[in-house]
Amino acid sequence: MTSDSAQQIQLKIVQDFQVLGNWQQRYAYLIDMGKALMKHGKHLRLDKYRLHGCQASVWLKSSYDNQTVVFTGTSDSIIVAGMMALLFKVYSGQKASDIPAISPTFLTDTGLLDNLSSQRATGLQLMLEQMQEIAMRLEHKQRESR
């Protein structure tokens, strides 16, 4: 996948949010995604995956294969888990070298950033920074091994 794929994914997320209309429906959508992530991510609740600095408990795991990064994780907060699911849609499967340059425009284009509490927005930023840092670390390791 390339950055263009990430842009297409973000466009699809924006379209999904526009179809939902009001924020009650949009939060329900986030909650549904969060529930699914929480259901399938219980095995990830290990200290080695714990992301510190978020108000909610967050666990983030990455794997690296063929220059692409796949992110998985979970949270003890349904809304935070839903936001993680959105980030995973955009960033998982992307080349490690591309991830730092992918701007999460869907956050503002959906209005999501404007409708989050400051603590959730800070947590979202921390998750994004951690994902970008993981990608940069993996890319650096890859370059060193060549």
Protein backbone atom coordinates (compact mmCIF):
# COMPACT_ATOMS: atom_id res chain seq x y z
CA MET A 1 0.00 0.00 0.00
CA THR A 2 1.07 3.57 -0.52
CA SER A 3 0.23 6.95 0.93
CA ASP A 4 -2.38 7.27 -1.83
CA SER A 5 -4.09 4.21 -0.37
CA ALA A 6 -4.08 5.93 3.01
CA GLN A 7 -5.68 8.97 1.40
CA GLN A 8 -8.36 6.78 -0.16
CA ILE A 9 -9.02 5.10 3.18
CA GLN A 10 -9.34 8.50 4.85
CA LEU A 11 -11.76 9.66 2.15
CA LYS A 12 -13.88 6.56 2.80
CA ILE A 13 -13.90 7.29 6.55
CA VAL A 14 -15.03 10.87 5.87
CA GLN A 15 -17.78 9.61 3.57
CA ASP A 16 -18.91 7.09 6.21
CA PHE A 17 -19.16 9.88 8.79
CA GLN A 18 -21.07 12.14 6.38
CA VAL A 19 -23.63 9.40 5.73
CA LEU A 20 -24.19 9.02 9.47
CA GLY A 21 -25.26 12.63 9.78
CA ASN A 22 -25.55 13.60 13.44
CA TRP A 23 -23.01 13.10 16.21
CA GLN A 24 -25.16 10.66 18.14
CA GLN A 25 -24.97 8.30 15.14
CA ARG A 26 -21.27 8.99 14.67
CA TYR A 27 -20.50 8.15 18.30
CA ALA A 28 -22.56 4.96 17.94
CA TYR A 29 -20.37 4.06 14.94
CA LEU A 30 -17.21 4.69 16.99
CA ILE A 31 -18.63 2.62 19.85
CA ASP A 32 -19.39 -0.29 17.51
CA MET A 33 -15.83 -0.22 16.17
CA GLY A 34 -14.49 0.08 19.71
CA LYS A 35 -16.49 -2.91 20.92
CA ALA A 36 -15.14 -5.04 18.07
CA LEU A 37 -11.56 -3.98 18.82
CA MET A 38 -11.99 -4.64 22.54
CA LYS A 39 -13.54 -8.05 21.91
CA HIS A 40 -10.64 -9.21 19.73
CA GLY A 41 -7.83 -7.46 21.63
CA LYS A 42 -8.06 -8.82 25.17
CA HIS A 43 -4.92 -10.93 24.65
CA LEU A 44 -2.94 -7.71 24.01
CA ARG A 45 -3.43 -6.32 27.51
CA LEU A 46 0.18 -6.87 28.47
CA ASP A 47 2.61 -4.36 29.99
CA LYS A 48 4.95 -4.58 27.00
CA TYR A 49 2.19 -3.14 24.75
CA ARG A 50 0.94 -0.52 27.21
CA LEU A 51 0.99 3.06 25.98
CA HIS A 52 1.55 5.43 28.87
CA GLY A 53 0.28 8.99 28.95
CA CYS A 54 -3.31 8.36 27.89
CA GLN A 55 -6.15 8.84 30.35
CA ALA A 56 -7.67 5.53 29.25
CA SER A 57 -5.62 2.36 29.30
CA VAL A 58 -4.26 1.69 25.82
CA TRP A 59 -2.30 -1.26 24.47
CA LEU A 60 -0.63 -0.96 21.08
CA LYS A 61 1.18 -3.73 19.23
CA SER A 62 2.88 -3.63 15.87
CA SER A 63 4.22 -6.23 13.50
CA TYR A 64 6.44 -5.71 10.50
CA ASP A 65 6.45 -7.74 7.33
CA ASN A 66 7.70 -6.95 3.85
CA GLN A 67 8.30 -3.26 4.72
CA THR A 68 4.72 -2.76 5.94
CA VAL A 69 3.51 -2.23 9.47
CA VAL A 70 0.37 -3.74 10.95
CA PHE A 71 -1.01 -2.22 14.12
CA THR A 72 -3.30 -3.96 16.56
CA GLY A 73 -4.37 -2.97 20.02
CA THR A 74 -7.14 -2.33 22.44
CA SER A 75 -8.29 0.01 25.18
CA ASP A 76 -10.46 -0.13 28.27
CA SER A 77 -12.49 2.77 26.80
CA ILE A 78 -14.96 2.02 24.00
CA ILE A 79 -14.59 5.46 22.40
CA VAL A 80 -10.78 5.31 22.55
CA ALA A 81 -10.86 1.79 21.07
CA GLY A 82 -13.07 3.15 18.27
CA MET A 83 -10.55 5.90 17.57
CA MET A 84 -7.78 3.29 17.54
CA ALA A 85 -9.78 1.28 15.00
CA LEU A 86 -9.92 4.35 12.73
CA LEU A 87 -6.17 4.92 13.08
CA PHE A 88 -5.52 1.25 12.33
CA LYS A 89 -7.64 1.50 9.16
CA VAL A 90 -5.46 4.32 7.90
CA TYR A 91 -2.00 3.26 9.04
CA SER A 92 -1.99 -0.56 9.13
CA GLY A 93 -0.67 -2.12 5.97
CA GLN A 94 1.26 0.98 5.00
CA LYS A 95 5.00 1.00 4.32
CA ALA A 96 6.96 1.98 7.43
CA SER A 97 8.73 4.66 5.40
CA ASP A 98 5.39 6.23 4.39
CA ILE A 99 3.68 6.32 7.79
CA PRO A 100 5.37 9.43 9.26
CA ALA A 101 4.27 11.47 6.23
CA ILE A 102 0.62 10.39 6.36
CA SER A 103 -1.35 13.24 7.85
CA PRO A 104 -4.56 12.12 9.58
CA THR A 105 -6.76 14.59 7.69
CA PHE A 106 -9.84 12.48 8.41
CA LEU A 107 -9.76 13.68 12.02
CA THR A 108 -10.59 17.24 11.01
CA ASP A 109 -12.53 16.38 7.84
CA THR A 110 -15.00 14.28 9.86
CA GLY A 111 -15.22 16.85 12.65
CA LEU A 112 -14.02 14.18 15.05
CA LEU A 113 -11.20 16.29 16.46
CA ASP A 114 -13.62 19.13 17.23
CA ASN A 115 -15.99 16.76 19.05
CA LEU A 116 -13.50 15.07 21.38
CA SER A 117 -12.72 16.11 24.91
CA SER A 118 -9.25 17.60 25.34
CA GLN A 119 -8.11 14.45 27.19
CA ARG A 120 -9.27 12.19 24.35
CA ALA A 121 -7.69 14.47 21.75
CA THR A 122 -4.40 14.35 23.68
CA GLY A 123 -4.63 10.55 23.92
CA LEU A 124 -5.35 10.31 20.20
CA GLN A 125 -2.28 12.45 19.46
CA LEU A 126 -0.14 10.21 21.71
CA MET A 127 -1.36 7.09 19.90
CA LEU A 128 -0.61 8.63 16.53
CA GLU A 129 2.86 9.77 17.63
CA GLN A 130 3.61 6.29 18.99
CA MET A 131 2.53 4.67 15.72
CA GLN A 132 4.73 7.06 13.74
CA GLU A 133 7.66 6.45 16.08
CA ILE A 134 7.28 2.68 15.72
CA ALA A 135 7.28 3.05 11.94
CA MET A 136 10.40 5.22 11.97
CA ARG A 137 12.17 2.76 14.27
CA LEU A 138 11.26 -0.17 12.03
CA GLU A 139 12.37 1.69 8.91
CA HIS A 140 15.67 2.61 10.57
CA LYS A 141 16.25 -1.03 11.55
CA GLN A 142 15.48 -2.09 8.00
CA ARG A 143 18.00 0.37 6.57
CA GLU A 144 20.70 -0.78 9.00
CA SER A 145 20.21 -4.42 8.02
CA ARG A 146 20.79 -3.71 4.29
